[in-house]
Amino acid sequence: MIGVGLEAGDRVALWAPNSLDWAVASLAVLFVGGAVVPINARYTHHEASDLVARAGCRLIVADRAGPGRDLAAEAIGFAGGVPVVSLGPTGAVGALQWSDFVAQGGSDAAAEVDRRLVGLKPEDVSHIQYTSGTTGTPKGAMLRHRAMVETTKEWAGVVGLTAGDRYPVVSPFSHISGHKTGLLACLLTGAAALPLSTLVLDDFAQLVDDQRVTVVQGPPTLFHSLVDRARNDQAAFSSLRVGVTGAAVIPPSLVRDMYDVLHLDRVVTAYGLTESTGVCTMTRAGDAIEVVAETSGRPIPGVRVQIAGRAGEHLAAGEIGEIEVAGVGIMLGYLNDPEATAAAIRDGWLATGDLGWIGDDGNLRIVDRLKDMVVVGGFNVYPAEIEKVLHEHPAVSQAAVVGLPDERMGEVPAAFVVAQVGSDPEVDSLIEHCEDRLAKFKVPRSLWLVDALPLNAVGKVAKPGLRVEALRRSEP
């Protein structure tokens, strides 16, 4: 990294699936005082190039992302002179191959690495973590070293992650739950991280048994699958002791099954968001099943949570309002976006955009996650981003996206589209338009052409009614 001229404060894009090399590249960036810009390996050329440009990345590290997809080769097309390093076994034309890149590091750089580490401060930015937010335009949350380490230590303490645990990292390293409560948690505790580049349920179940996995973090759909398999094989997954989940409503029956069928010692649910460096609240060992299933727990040390009313007033226990958080994890702000930063952070409190309430027991209950957000297999998908892409199609006049329940993924996006006057677009062409510009998990699974969208009293799209209509249309 030093050899290619990377300076403290420079940003490096990592666009690759989970791997040992991803972890090494990430740590190298942090050791020289740089900031990691994680990019989901599922993102399209269009999505990735936008993030790289707006972050002002000085280096791009990329890898293959499955059959027929060479991200390093794609990065060459938009790098604009920025060096590209290929993690793959053979470097893309114009990219430097990873082993050659590593070999360039000379012994004379060791002293410079030491100097950089001494100069590194806890409040320095470690990651520019992009989140779409509710506007549909990705915003880069500037996260800091201290927040990363301290909140991860608290998370690991509540989960009970220790040296000797074997922990498959299911979430992409590009996601904060992948590189933070996955990779960093293992680095801090001495647990063994098992990075998964893709999640195939059959393979995962085999991995749990073969590797004697002890801790699993993932969306409820993952645990549903493990429970189903364990019902048919009582000896399966006998090594498991801890399950961590969230990102969707969790049926109490699933929590009971995680205890009774998977025989877990501990089940933890949590709440957090990118702008708070991830975790804010967690349930604790010994909490009743109803608490684990129906709440997101209590604030971790160093974090405060309150509920605010429409005028910003602090609401009492049991009253529903916007969830606000403060403390060590709050981001420095959004990169190059002071207006969005000022709107999000008020008097030291981060306005989450989530509605919820806090009971007399101190546990947080989520009422609505980021208003319209759809959680697809554990990934946050923002309807505004999909709607923005649909509006870019010349035949589209209006578009609205809602979430539909899905047995396998939890939720999937569904779209309603009003065509431009005189246009008669085909549904397949609109889906293809989205596929060219969005990661696969963001593409609407259902799309309906309608004459008009329902509006509420203030002229905004009435999405509750649309959800009902989507359910009706999707019924067999």
Protein backbone atom coordinates (compact mmCIF):
# COMPACT_ATOMS: atom_id res chain seq x y z
CA MET A 1 0.00 0.00 0.00
CA ILE A 2 2.81 2.37 0.86
CA GLY A 3 4.66 1.39 -2.31
CA VAL A 4 1.84 2.65 -4.54
CA GLY A 5 1.82 5.97 -2.70
CA LEU A 6 -1.10 5.51 -0.34
CA GLU A 7 -1.12 8.28 2.27
CA ALA A 8 -2.86 8.53 5.63
CA GLY A 9 -6.46 9.53 5.00
CA ASP A 10 -6.58 8.11 1.47
CA ARG A 11 -9.53 5.89 0.59
CA VAL A 12 -9.35 2.42 -0.91
CA ALA A 13 -12.30 0.60 -2.47
CA LEU A 14 -12.62 -3.11 -1.72
CA TRP A 15 -14.98 -4.67 -4.26
CA ALA A 16 -14.85 -8.42 -3.74
CA PRO A 17 -16.55 -11.38 -2.05
CA ASN A 18 -15.45 -12.55 1.41
CA SER A 19 -11.96 -14.04 1.46
CA LEU A 20 -8.74 -14.12 3.44
CA ASP A 21 -7.22 -11.68 0.94
CA TRP A 22 -10.11 -9.23 1.50
CA ALA A 23 -9.32 -9.30 5.22
CA VAL A 24 -5.59 -8.77 4.63
CA ALA A 25 -6.19 -5.92 2.18
CA SER A 26 -8.58 -4.24 4.62
CA LEU A 27 -6.10 -4.45 7.50
CA ALA A 28 -3.31 -3.13 5.28
CA VAL A 29 -5.36 -0.05 4.44
CA LEU A 30 -6.08 0.56 8.13
CA PHE A 31 -2.44 0.03 9.15
CA VAL A 32 -1.25 2.82 6.87
CA GLY A 33 -3.92 5.21 8.10
CA GLY A 34 -6.23 4.87 5.12
CA ALA A 35 -10.00 4.43 5.06
CA VAL A 36 -11.69 1.33 3.64
CA VAL A 37 -14.59 1.87 1.24
CA PRO A 38 -16.40 -1.51 1.19
CA ILE A 39 -18.47 -2.20 -1.94
CA ASN A 40 -20.89 -5.10 -2.22
CA ALA A 41 -19.64 -7.70 -4.72
CA ARG A 42 -23.21 -7.97 -6.04
CA TYR A 43 -23.27 -4.33 -7.09
CA THR A 44 -23.36 -3.53 -10.76
CA HIS A 45 -20.68 -1.64 -12.69
CA HIS A 46 -22.94 1.43 -12.47
CA GLU A 47 -23.37 1.25 -8.67
CA ALA A 48 -19.70 0.56 -7.94
CA SER A 49 -18.31 3.26 -10.23
CA ASP A 50 -20.57 5.85 -8.59
CA LEU A 51 -19.32 4.99 -5.08
CA VAL A 52 -15.65 4.89 -6.12
CA ALA A 53 -15.92 8.31 -7.77
CA ARG A 54 -17.79 10.00 -4.93
CA ALA A 55 -15.44 8.59 -2.30
CA GLY A 56 -12.41 9.78 -4.28
CA CYS A 57 -10.70 6.39 -3.95
CA ARG A 58 -6.95 6.30 -4.63
CA LEU A 59 -6.83 2.51 -5.12
CA ILE A 60 -9.33 -0.22 -6.08
CA VAL A 61 -8.92 -3.81 -4.89
CA ALA A 62 -11.30 -6.19 -6.67
CA ASP A 63 -11.89 -9.87 -7.33
CA ARG A 64 -14.03 -12.28 -9.30
CA ALA A 65 -17.62 -12.49 -8.10
CA GLY A 66 -18.76 -15.80 -9.49
CA PRO A 67 -18.90 -17.28 -12.98
CA GLY A 68 -18.66 -14.71 -15.77
CA ARG A 69 -17.98 -11.78 -13.46
CA ASP A 70 -14.49 -10.28 -13.09
CA LEU A 71 -14.83 -7.19 -10.91
CA ALA A 72 -11.21 -6.14 -11.47
CA ALA A 73 -11.80 -6.08 -15.22
CA GLU A 74 -14.97 -4.04 -14.68
CA ALA A 75 -13.11 -1.66 -12.37
CA ILE A 76 -10.49 -1.02 -15.07
CA GLY A 77 -13.32 0.39 -17.17
CA PHE A 78 -14.16 3.16 -14.69
CA ALA A 79 -10.93 3.55 -12.69
CA GLY A 80 -9.85 6.64 -14.64
CA GLY A 81 -6.17 6.13 -13.90
CA VAL A 82 -6.66 4.91 -10.32
CA PRO A 83 -4.59 1.71 -9.80
CA VAL A 84 -6.56 -1.54 -9.72
CA VAL A 85 -5.34 -4.64 -7.90
CA SER A 86 -6.89 -8.02 -8.76
CA LEU A 87 -7.28 -10.53 -5.93
CA GLY A 88 -7.94 -13.32 -8.43
CA PRO A 89 -5.43 -16.00 -9.40
CA THR A 90 -4.80 -14.17 -12.69
CA GLY A 91 -4.86 -10.41 -12.94
CA ALA A 92 -7.26 -8.67 -15.32
CA VAL A 93 -5.64 -6.84 -18.22
CA GLY A 94 -4.48 -3.50 -16.85
CA ALA A 95 -4.65 -4.61 -13.22
CA LEU A 96 -1.85 -5.62 -10.88
CA GLN A 97 -2.14 -9.19 -9.64
CA TRP A 98 -2.43 -9.52 -5.83
CA SER A 99 0.65 -11.70 -5.30
CA ASP A 100 2.77 -9.28 -7.37
CA PHE A 101 1.33 -6.34 -5.45
CA VAL A 102 2.19 -7.95 -2.10
CA ALA A 103 5.68 -8.86 -3.34
CA GLN A 104 6.41 -5.19 -4.02
CA GLY A 105 6.40 -4.46 -0.30
CA GLY A 106 10.00 -3.96 0.76
CA SER A 107 11.62 -4.19 4.17
CA ASP A 108 12.32 -0.46 4.01
CA ALA A 109 8.57 0.16 4.39
CA ALA A 110 8.45 -1.43 7.86
CA ALA A 111 9.65 1.71 9.61
CA GLU A 112 7.07 3.76 7.74
CA VAL A 113 4.31 1.36 8.82
CA ASP A 114 5.40 1.79 12.44
CA ARG A 115 5.38 5.57 12.01
CA ARG A 116 1.87 5.47 10.54
CA LEU A 117 0.58 3.32 13.41
CA VAL A 118 1.99 5.68 16.02
CA GLY A 119 0.28 8.57 14.25
CA LEU A 120 -3.07 6.81 14.01
CA LYS A 121 -5.71 8.30 16.33
CA PRO A 122 -8.84 6.63 17.74
CA GLU A 123 -11.05 9.31 16.18
CA ASP A 124 -9.55 8.91 12.69
CA VAL A 125 -11.92 7.63 10.02
CA SER A 126 -11.49 3.91 9.38
CA HIS A 127 -14.35 3.26 6.93
CA ILE A 128 -16.56 5.10 4.49
CA GLN A 129 -19.61 2.87 4.69
CA TYR A 130 -22.19 3.69 2.04
CA THR A 131 -25.86 3.42 2.86
CA SER A 132 -28.70 4.28 0.52
CA GLY A 133 -30.82 5.88 3.22
CA THR A 134 -34.38 6.88 2.43
CA THR A 135 -33.52 9.27 -0.41
CA GLY A 136 -32.29 6.62 -2.84
CA THR A 137 -28.91 8.37 -3.15
CA PRO A 138 -26.10 6.48 -1.37
CA LYS A 139 -24.46 8.43 1.45
CA GLY A 140 -21.02 7.65 2.85
CA ALA A 141 -21.08 7.35 6.63
CA MET A 142 -17.65 8.21 8.06
CA LEU A 143 -16.96 5.67 10.81
CA ARG A 144 -14.08 5.82 13.27
CA HIS A 145 -11.55 3.39 14.75
CA ARG A 146 -12.61 3.90 18.38
CA ALA A 147 -16.28 3.31 17.58
CA MET A 148 -15.44 0.19 15.58
CA VAL A 149 -13.37 -1.38 18.34
CA GLU A 150 -15.40 -0.39 21.40
CA THR A 151 -18.84 -1.33 20.04
CA THR A 152 -17.47 -4.61 18.69
CA LYS A 153 -15.99 -5.48 22.08
CA GLU A 154 -19.36 -4.88 23.70
CA TRP A 155 -21.13 -6.95 21.02
CA ALA A 156 -18.71 -9.83 21.51
CA GLY A 157 -19.16 -9.66 25.28
CA VAL A 158 -22.95 -9.92 25.06
CA VAL A 159 -22.78 -12.70 22.47
CA GLY A 160 -20.15 -14.53 24.50
CA LEU A 161 -17.72 -14.84 21.58
CA THR A 162 -14.34 -16.05 22.82
CA ALA A 163 -11.11 -17.65 21.66
CA GLY A 164 -11.87 -21.18 20.57
CA ASP A 165 -15.18 -20.30 18.93
CA ARG A 166 -15.61 -21.09 15.23
CA TYR A 167 -17.71 -18.46 13.51
CA PRO A 168 -18.71 -18.53 9.80
CA VAL A 169 -19.07 -14.97 8.50
CA VAL A 170 -22.23 -15.15 6.42
CA SER A 171 -22.68 -11.41 5.84
CA PRO A 172 -20.55 -9.89 3.08
CA PHE A 173 -17.39 -8.19 4.36
CA SER A 174 -18.71 -5.16 2.46
CA HIS A 175 -21.50 -4.93 5.04
CA ILE A 176 -20.82 -3.65 8.54
CA SER A 177 -22.05 -6.92 10.03
CA GLY A 178 -19.49 -8.74 7.89
CA HIS A 179 -16.30 -6.76 8.47
CA LYS A 180 -17.20 -5.54 11.97
CA THR A 181 -19.27 -8.01 14.01
CA GLY A 182 -17.86 -10.77 11.81
CA LEU A 183 -14.20 -10.26 11.00
CA LEU A 184 -13.25 -7.63 13.61
CA ALA A 185 -15.06 -9.50 16.39
CA CYS A 186 -12.91 -12.55 15.66
CA LEU A 187 -9.72 -10.48 15.57
CA LEU A 188 -10.53 -8.93 18.95
CA THR A 189 -11.48 -12.17 20.70
CA GLY A 190 -9.29 -14.78 19.05
CA ALA A 191 -12.27 -16.65 17.59
CA ALA A 192 -11.75 -18.34 14.21
CA ALA A 193 -13.48 -16.58 11.31
CA LEU A 194 -14.71 -18.77 8.45
CA PRO A 195 -15.38 -16.36 5.57
CA LEU A 196 -18.12 -17.47 3.17
CA SER A 197 -18.03 -15.92 -0.30
CA THR A 198 -21.56 -17.15 -1.00
CA LEU A 199 -24.30 -18.65 1.13
CA VAL A 200 -25.71 -21.96 -0.11
CA LEU A 201 -27.89 -23.45 2.59
CA ASP A 202 -26.96 -27.07 1.89
CA ASP A 203 -23.26 -26.23 1.93
CA PHE A 204 -23.66 -24.09 5.05
CA ALA A 205 -25.34 -26.88 6.97
CA GLN A 206 -22.48 -29.20 6.03
CA LEU A 207 -19.93 -26.57 7.06
CA VAL A 208 -21.51 -26.22 10.50
CA ASP A 209 -21.05 -29.93 11.14
CA ASP A 210 -17.68 -30.39 9.43
CA GLN A 211 -16.03 -27.38 11.07
CA ARG A 212 -17.76 -27.78 14.44
CA VAL A 213 -19.16 -24.26 14.22
CA THR A 214 -20.15 -22.76 17.57
CA VAL A 215 -21.53 -19.28 16.75
CA VAL A 216 -23.81 -18.25 13.89
CA GLN A 217 -24.97 -14.75 13.03
CA GLY A 218 -27.50 -14.38 10.22
CA PRO A 219 -31.03 -13.43 9.20
CA PRO A 220 -34.02 -15.39 10.55
CA THR A 221 -34.30 -17.26 7.23
CA LEU A 222 -30.94 -18.91 7.90
CA PHE A 223 -32.07 -20.19 11.29
CA HIS A 224 -35.38 -21.39 9.83
CA SER A 225 -33.34 -23.56 7.48
CA LEU A 226 -31.14 -24.95 10.24
CA VAL A 227 -34.18 -25.74 12.38
CA ASP A 228 -35.88 -27.56 9.52
CA ARG A 229 -32.81 -29.73 8.99
CA ALA A 230 -32.31 -30.39 12.69
CA ARG A 231 -35.88 -31.69 13.01
CA ASN A 232 -34.93 -34.54 10.67
CA ASP A 233 -31.57 -35.17 12.28
CA GLN A 234 -31.43 -34.73 16.03
CA ALA A 235 -27.64 -35.12 16.02
CA ALA A 236 -27.09 -32.29 13.53
CA PHE A 237 -25.40 -29.07 14.59
CA SER A 238 -24.50 -30.36 18.03
CA SER A 239 -21.55 -27.97 18.22
CA LEU A 240 -23.72 -24.83 17.99
CA ARG A 241 -24.14 -22.82 21.17
CA VAL A 242 -24.98 -19.21 20.16
CA GLY A 243 -27.32 -17.73 17.53
CA VAL A 244 -27.45 -14.00 16.72
CA THR A 245 -30.18 -12.64 14.49
CA GLY A 246 -32.24 -9.57 13.70
CA ALA A 247 -32.99 -7.42 10.63
CA ALA A 248 -36.61 -8.59 10.54
CA VAL A 249 -39.54 -9.50 12.76
CA ILE A 250 -38.67 -12.72 14.57
CA PRO A 251 -41.53 -15.12 15.39
CA PRO A 252 -41.44 -16.33 19.02
CA SER A 253 -41.80 -19.86 17.64
CA LEU A 254 -38.43 -19.50 15.86
CA VAL A 255 -36.71 -18.40 19.08
CA ARG A 256 -38.20 -21.42 20.86
CA ASP A 257 -37.00 -23.69 18.08
CA MET A 258 -33.50 -22.19 18.28
CA TYR A 259 -33.45 -23.25 21.93
CA ASP A 260 -35.42 -26.51 21.74
CA VAL A 261 -34.48 -27.90 18.30
CA LEU A 262 -30.98 -26.44 17.77
CA HIS A 263 -30.29 -26.67 21.53
CA LEU A 264 -28.56 -23.28 21.63
CA ASP A 265 -27.33 -21.96 24.95
CA ARG A 266 -27.90 -18.34 23.94
CA VAL A 267 -30.07 -16.49 21.39
CA VAL A 268 -29.45 -12.77 20.85
CA THR A 269 -31.37 -10.20 18.83
CA ALA A 270 -30.07 -6.70 18.21
CA TYR A 271 -30.75 -3.32 16.61
CA GLY A 272 -28.32 -1.00 14.91
CA LEU A 273 -27.64 0.96 11.76
CA THR A 274 -24.66 1.98 9.71
CA GLU A 275 -24.57 5.55 11.00
CA SER A 276 -24.21 4.27 14.58
CA THR A 277 -21.34 1.94 13.59
CA GLY A 278 -23.76 -0.93 13.79
CA VAL A 279 -25.06 -2.28 17.08
CA CYS A 280 -27.00 -0.03 19.48
CA THR A 281 -29.17 -2.39 21.52
CA MET A 282 -29.04 -6.12 22.26
CA THR A 283 -30.96 -8.67 24.27
CA ARG A 284 -28.99 -10.44 26.97
CA ALA A 285 -28.40 -13.96 28.18
CA GLY A 286 -31.27 -15.02 30.42
CA ASP A 287 -33.90 -12.84 28.72
CA ALA A 288 -37.28 -14.51 28.30
CA ILE A 289 -38.16 -15.89 24.88
CA GLU A 290 -40.77 -13.15 24.42
CA VAL A 291 -38.15 -10.47 25.10
CA VAL A 292 -35.74 -11.97 22.55
CA ALA A 293 -38.46 -12.37 19.92
CA GLU A 294 -40.40 -9.15 20.42
CA THR A 295 -37.73 -6.59 21.34
CA SER A 296 -34.30 -5.49 20.22
CA GLY A 297 -32.97 -5.42 23.76
CA ARG A 298 -31.27 -2.70 25.75
CA PRO A 299 -28.46 -0.26 24.88
CA ILE A 300 -24.93 -1.62 25.03
CA PRO A 301 -22.46 0.27 27.27
CA GLY A 302 -21.42 3.56 25.69
CA VAL A 303 -24.69 3.96 23.78
CA ARG A 304 -27.81 5.90 24.76
CA VAL A 305 -31.26 5.52 23.18
CA GLN A 306 -34.29 7.77 23.44
CA ILE A 307 -37.62 8.22 21.67
CA ALA A 308 -38.43 11.63 20.20
CA GLY A 309 -41.81 13.14 19.32
CA ARG A 310 -42.68 15.19 16.24
CA ALA A 311 -41.35 18.37 17.81
CA GLY A 312 -38.16 16.68 19.01
CA GLU A 313 -39.39 16.29 22.58
CA HIS A 314 -38.27 13.31 24.66
CA LEU A 315 -41.14 10.82 24.98
CA ALA A 316 -41.92 8.70 28.01
CA ALA A 317 -41.79 4.92 28.22
CA GLY A 318 -44.43 3.25 26.08
CA GLU A 319 -44.87 6.18 23.69
CA ILE A 320 -44.09 5.64 20.00
CA GLY A 321 -41.79 8.05 18.20
CA GLU A 322 -38.55 8.28 16.27
CA ILE A 323 -35.64 6.31 17.71
CA GLU A 324 -32.61 8.48 18.45
CA VAL A 325 -29.21 7.21 19.55
CA ALA A 326 -26.10 8.85 20.94
CA GLY A 327 -22.71 7.74 22.19
CA VAL A 328 -19.41 6.33 21.05
CA GLY A 329 -20.67 4.79 17.81
CA ILE A 330 -22.18 7.85 16.15
CA MET A 331 -20.59 8.55 12.77
CA LEU A 332 -18.46 11.62 12.16
CA GLY A 333 -20.94 12.55 9.43
CA TYR A 334 -21.72 11.86 5.79
CA LEU A 335 -18.80 12.31 3.40
CA ASN A 336 -19.07 15.62 1.50
CA ASP A 337 -22.69 16.09 2.58
CA PRO A 338 -22.98 18.62 5.43
CA GLU A 339 -26.71 19.14 4.85
CA ALA A 340 -27.52 15.46 5.25
CA THR A 341 -25.21 15.31 8.28
CA ALA A 342 -26.98 18.24 9.94
CA ALA A 343 -30.37 16.63 9.27
CA ALA A 344 -29.24 13.30 10.75
CA ILE A 345 -27.34 14.46 13.85
CA ARG A 346 -29.04 16.98 16.13
CA ASP A 347 -27.40 18.05 19.39
CA GLY A 348 -25.32 14.88 19.40
CA TRP A 349 -28.31 12.60 18.81
CA LEU A 350 -28.59 10.56 15.62
CA ALA A 351 -32.11 10.56 14.19
CA THR A 352 -32.49 7.02 12.88
CA GLY A 353 -35.68 7.41 10.86
CA ASP A 354 -36.99 4.31 12.66
CA LEU A 355 -40.14 4.34 14.75
CA GLY A 356 -40.25 2.52 18.04
CA TRP A 357 -40.87 2.65 21.75
CA ILE A 358 -39.11 1.70 24.95
CA GLY A 359 -40.96 -0.34 27.57
CA ASP A 360 -40.75 -0.01 31.32
CA ASP A 361 -38.28 -2.90 31.16
CA GLY A 362 -35.87 -0.73 29.15
CA ASN A 363 -36.13 -2.88 26.01
CA LEU A 364 -36.52 -1.24 22.63
CA ARG A 365 -39.39 -2.28 20.35
CA ILE A 366 -39.19 -1.48 16.64
CA VAL A 367 -42.47 -0.43 15.03
CA ASP A 368 -41.29 0.39 11.51
CA ARG A 369 -37.79 -0.04 10.12
CA LEU A 370 -36.69 3.00 8.17
CA LYS A 371 -40.29 3.56 7.19
CA ASP A 372 -40.44 1.71 3.90
CA MET A 373 -37.25 -0.34 4.03
CA VAL A 374 -37.41 -3.89 2.72
CA VAL A 375 -35.12 -6.50 4.31
CA VAL A 376 -34.20 -9.07 1.64
CA GLY A 377 -32.41 -12.05 3.14
CA GLY A 378 -30.76 -9.79 5.72
CA PHE A 379 -29.85 -7.05 3.21
CA ASN A 380 -31.41 -3.61 3.61
CA VAL A 381 -33.13 -2.52 0.40
CA TYR A 382 -34.52 0.98 0.12
CA PRO A 383 -37.55 1.41 -2.16
CA ALA A 384 -36.48 4.95 -3.06
CA GLU A 385 -33.35 3.62 -4.73
CA ILE A 386 -35.33 1.19 -6.90
CA GLU A 387 -37.93 3.86 -7.65
CA LYS A 388 -35.18 6.22 -8.77
CA VAL A 389 -33.87 3.63 -11.23
CA LEU A 390 -37.37 2.95 -12.59
CA HIS A 391 -37.95 6.68 -13.08
CA GLU A 392 -34.85 6.79 -15.28
CA HIS A 393 -36.65 4.61 -17.84
CA PRO A 394 -38.13 6.86 -20.57
CA ALA A 395 -41.46 5.00 -20.54
CA VAL A 396 -42.04 5.39 -16.78
CA SER A 397 -44.03 8.26 -15.32
CA GLN A 398 -44.39 7.11 -11.70
CA ALA A 399 -43.12 4.20 -9.65
CA ALA A 400 -43.64 2.92 -6.12
CA VAL A 401 -41.95 -0.04 -4.44
CA VAL A 402 -43.11 -1.99 -1.40
CA GLY A 403 -42.04 -5.16 0.35
CA LEU A 404 -43.76 -8.51 -0.07
CA PRO A 405 -43.41 -11.37 2.44
CA ASP A 406 -41.28 -14.21 1.08
CA GLU A 407 -40.80 -17.57 2.77
CA ARG A 408 -37.15 -17.90 1.75
CA MET A 409 -35.89 -14.30 1.77
CA GLY A 410 -38.13 -12.80 4.45
CA GLU A 411 -39.17 -9.99 2.10
CA VAL A 412 -38.74 -9.14 -1.58
CA PRO A 413 -39.36 -5.85 -3.43
CA ALA A 414 -42.44 -5.44 -5.60
CA ALA A 415 -43.09 -2.46 -7.87
CA PHE A 416 -46.10 -0.58 -9.21
CA VAL A 417 -45.43 1.49 -12.34
CA VAL A 418 -47.48 4.14 -14.16
CA ALA A 419 -46.41 4.50 -17.81
CA GLN A 420 -45.82 7.78 -19.59
CA VAL A 421 -48.75 8.92 -21.72
CA GLY A 422 -48.47 7.25 -25.10
CA SER A 423 -46.02 4.60 -23.84
CA ASP A 424 -46.73 0.91 -23.46
CA PRO A 425 -43.67 -0.63 -21.79
CA GLU A 426 -43.34 -4.36 -21.28
CA VAL A 427 -42.86 -5.66 -17.75
CA ASP A 428 -39.84 -7.72 -18.83
CA SER A 429 -38.11 -4.65 -20.27
CA LEU A 430 -38.57 -2.74 -17.01
CA ILE A 431 -37.17 -5.65 -15.02
CA GLU A 432 -34.17 -5.83 -17.38
CA HIS A 433 -33.66 -2.08 -16.91
CA CYS A 434 -33.41 -2.67 -13.15
CA GLU A 435 -31.13 -5.70 -13.55
CA ASP A 436 -28.65 -3.59 -15.52
CA ARG A 437 -28.43 -0.99 -12.75
CA LEU A 438 -29.08 -2.76 -9.46
CA ALA A 439 -27.74 -5.70 -7.54
CA LYS A 440 -29.90 -8.77 -8.03
CA PHE A 441 -31.37 -8.70 -4.51
CA LYS A 442 -32.72 -5.17 -5.17
CA VAL A 443 -34.49 -6.03 -8.43
CA PRO A 444 -38.31 -6.21 -8.05
CA ARG A 445 -39.54 -9.80 -7.99
CA SER A 446 -42.98 -8.61 -9.12
CA LEU A 447 -43.85 -5.56 -11.22
CA TRP A 448 -47.33 -4.39 -12.17
CA LEU A 449 -48.39 -1.68 -14.62
CA VAL A 450 -51.23 0.42 -13.19
CA ASP A 451 -53.18 3.47 -14.33
CA ALA A 452 -52.46 5.47 -11.16
CA LEU A 453 -50.91 5.22 -7.71
CA PRO A 454 -53.09 5.73 -4.60
CA LEU A 455 -52.37 9.00 -2.79
CA ASN A 456 -52.98 10.08 0.80
CA ALA A 457 -54.41 13.37 2.03
CA VAL A 458 -51.16 15.26 1.49
CA GLY A 459 -50.59 13.93 -2.00
CA LYS A 460 -47.98 11.31 -1.15
CA VAL A 461 -48.15 7.72 -2.33
CA ALA A 462 -50.22 5.71 0.14
CA LYS A 463 -47.90 2.75 0.55
CA PRO A 464 -49.95 0.89 3.19
CA GLY A 465 -52.68 0.50 0.61
CA LEU A 466 -50.14 -0.55 -2.00
CA ARG A 467 -48.84 -3.29 0.29
CA VAL A 468 -52.36 -4.65 0.63
CA GLU A 469 -52.79 -4.54 -3.15
CA ALA A 470 -49.42 -6.24 -3.70
CA LEU A 471 -50.45 -9.03 -1.35
CA ARG A 472 -53.72 -9.46 -3.21
CA ARG A 473 -52.02 -9.58 -6.60
CA SER A 474 -49.38 -12.04 -5.43
CA GLU A 475 -51.86 -14.57 -4.09
CA PRO A 476 -51.95 -17.81 -6.08
